[in-house]
């Protein structure tokens, strides 16, 4: 089936409805506060959203201290990638990698940053051309900063 990459900012429910409940709690109630500085991009297969994520141009919902310390990246022209999600029944098809590639292709000069809290994701982002830049000092809630520069 054909995959389509599209901006779903004006129809956020396409993205929100596929998210797990704990992520919806972090985003949906605050969407009105962020929609002026965030965009939603999804991959659609037919009428079904099969992958998606948010791109922030400033401030993030539910920021950690580590992320707060990295806010200067916005002033250096970076956009933040957050909440990338692929529903479990659609995994193992490289959809998140495809989503990242299509995002980067739409503006080939754009720089991105993101943080992760799960060490196994490091390999995924490295294989998608993101570089590990910094690691948090908090041993209990470890986070890693990745950047992408074209």
Protein backbone atom coordinates (compact mmCIF):
# COMPACT_ATOMS: atom_id res chain seq x y z
CA UNK A 1 0.00 0.00 0.00
CA UNK A 2 1.16 3.55 -0.70
CA UNK A 3 2.55 5.60 2.23
CA UNK A 4 1.87 9.35 2.39
CA UNK A 5 3.74 11.87 4.60
CA UNK A 6 1.55 14.80 5.61
CA UNK A 7 1.18 17.72 7.97
CA UNK A 8 -1.67 16.87 10.36
CA UNK A 9 -1.41 19.97 12.55
CA UNK A 10 -4.92 21.09 11.56
CA UNK A 11 -6.32 17.62 12.24
CA UNK A 12 -4.36 16.54 15.33
CA UNK A 13 -6.77 13.76 16.27
CA UNK A 14 -5.26 11.65 13.46
CA UNK A 15 -2.05 11.56 15.50
CA UNK A 16 -3.50 11.74 19.02
CA UNK A 17 -5.84 8.79 18.49
CA UNK A 18 -2.98 6.40 17.77
CA UNK A 19 -0.96 7.40 20.86
CA UNK A 20 -0.94 5.39 24.08
CA UNK A 21 -3.01 6.90 26.89
CA UNK A 22 0.00 8.03 28.95
CA UNK A 23 1.29 10.08 25.98
CA UNK A 24 -2.14 11.53 25.26
CA UNK A 25 -2.26 12.84 28.84
CA UNK A 26 1.01 14.73 28.21
CA UNK A 27 -0.06 16.30 24.92
CA UNK A 28 -3.79 16.50 24.23
CA UNK A 29 -4.87 18.73 27.18
CA UNK A 30 -2.09 21.20 26.35
CA UNK A 31 -2.29 21.15 22.56
CA UNK A 32 -3.92 24.59 22.37
CA UNK A 33 -0.86 26.01 24.18
CA UNK A 34 1.60 24.36 21.79
CA UNK A 35 -0.09 24.35 18.40
CA UNK A 36 1.28 27.81 17.57
CA UNK A 37 4.86 26.54 17.91
CA UNK A 38 4.46 22.86 17.00
CA UNK A 39 3.56 20.81 13.97
CA UNK A 40 2.32 17.26 13.66
CA UNK A 41 3.53 15.09 10.81
CA UNK A 42 2.13 11.65 10.12
CA UNK A 43 2.64 8.76 7.76
CA UNK A 44 -0.65 7.48 6.42
CA UNK A 45 -1.34 4.15 4.80
CA UNK A 46 -4.70 4.60 3.15
CA UNK A 47 -6.80 6.38 5.78
CA UNK A 48 -4.82 5.02 8.74
CA UNK A 49 -2.05 6.94 10.52
CA UNK A 50 0.80 4.44 10.89
CA UNK A 51 3.51 6.71 12.33
CA UNK A 52 3.81 10.26 13.53
CA UNK A 53 5.58 12.80 15.64
CA UNK A 54 5.69 16.41 16.78
CA UNK A 55 8.13 19.14 15.77
CA UNK A 56 8.52 22.01 18.24
CA UNK A 57 10.05 25.39 17.42
CA UNK A 58 10.14 26.43 21.09
CA UNK A 59 9.30 25.10 24.54
CA UNK A 60 8.29 21.53 25.15
CA UNK A 61 5.55 19.95 27.21
CA UNK A 62 6.65 18.36 30.46
CA UNK A 63 10.33 19.33 30.13
CA UNK A 64 12.96 17.67 32.25
CA UNK A 65 15.75 19.72 33.82
CA UNK A 66 18.08 18.24 31.20
CA UNK A 67 15.83 19.45 28.36
CA UNK A 68 15.51 22.89 29.98
CA UNK A 69 19.29 23.19 29.92
CA UNK A 70 19.22 22.59 26.14
CA UNK A 71 16.66 25.27 25.21
CA UNK A 72 19.48 27.36 23.68
CA UNK A 73 19.38 24.99 20.69
CA UNK A 74 16.18 26.68 19.50
CA UNK A 75 18.10 29.98 19.18
CA UNK A 76 20.70 28.14 17.09
CA UNK A 77 18.06 27.15 14.51
CA UNK A 78 17.29 23.64 15.74
CA UNK A 79 13.77 22.24 15.92
CA UNK A 80 12.87 19.63 18.54
CA UNK A 81 11.50 16.25 17.51
CA UNK A 82 9.27 14.63 20.08
CA UNK A 83 6.69 11.96 20.63
CA UNK A 84 7.55 9.82 17.61
CA UNK A 85 5.13 6.91 17.66
CA UNK A 86 4.35 3.83 15.60
CA UNK A 87 1.40 1.68 16.78
CA UNK A 88 2.55 -1.74 17.97
CA UNK A 89 0.70 -3.61 15.21
CA UNK A 90 2.63 -1.57 12.59
CA UNK A 91 6.14 -1.97 14.03
CA UNK A 92 9.12 -3.72 12.40
CA UNK A 93 8.40 -2.09 9.04
CA UNK A 94 10.93 0.78 9.33
CA UNK A 95 8.08 3.32 9.55
CA UNK A 96 9.79 5.53 12.16
CA UNK A 97 12.94 5.64 10.03
CA UNK A 98 10.83 6.46 6.98
CA UNK A 99 9.07 9.23 8.95
CA UNK A 100 12.44 10.75 9.94
CA UNK A 101 13.77 10.54 6.38
CA UNK A 102 10.71 12.24 4.91
CA UNK A 103 10.81 14.91 7.62
CA UNK A 104 14.46 15.67 6.84
CA UNK A 105 13.78 15.61 3.07
CA UNK A 106 11.07 18.27 3.26
CA UNK A 107 13.61 20.87 4.47
CA UNK A 108 17.10 19.57 3.69
CA UNK A 109 18.85 22.39 5.58
CA UNK A 110 16.94 22.07 8.85
CA UNK A 111 18.74 21.00 12.03
CA UNK A 112 16.95 18.92 14.68
CA UNK A 113 17.48 17.91 18.29
CA UNK A 114 15.80 15.38 20.56
CA UNK A 115 16.28 13.64 23.85
CA UNK A 116 15.71 10.02 24.74
CA UNK A 117 15.23 8.28 28.06
CA UNK A 118 15.64 4.69 26.88
CA UNK A 119 19.18 3.58 26.09
CA UNK A 120 18.11 1.00 23.44
CA UNK A 121 16.86 3.90 21.27
CA UNK A 122 20.42 5.20 20.88
CA UNK A 123 21.14 2.79 18.03
CA UNK A 124 17.92 3.73 16.22
CA UNK A 125 18.78 7.44 16.16
CA UNK A 126 22.44 6.84 15.27
CA UNK A 127 21.41 4.71 12.27
CA UNK A 128 19.16 7.62 11.23
CA UNK A 129 22.12 10.06 11.14
CA UNK A 130 21.65 11.63 14.58
CA UNK A 131 24.75 12.18 16.72
CA UNK A 132 24.93 11.62 20.45
CA UNK A 133 26.05 14.97 21.88
CA UNK A 134 25.46 14.86 25.62
CA UNK A 135 24.35 12.61 28.44
CA UNK A 136 22.57 13.79 31.58
CA UNK A 137 24.27 13.52 34.95
CA UNK A 138 21.23 12.05 36.65
CA UNK A 139 21.92 8.33 37.11
CA UNK A 140 18.34 7.59 38.20
CA UNK A 141 16.67 9.19 35.16
CA UNK A 142 19.33 9.07 32.46
CA UNK A 143 18.71 11.11 29.28
CA UNK A 144 20.68 11.52 26.08
CA UNK A 145 20.77 14.48 23.66
CA UNK A 146 20.96 13.76 19.95
CA UNK A 147 21.27 16.27 17.13
CA UNK A 148 20.92 16.06 13.39
CA UNK A 149 22.81 18.47 11.15
CA UNK A 150 22.45 18.19 7.38
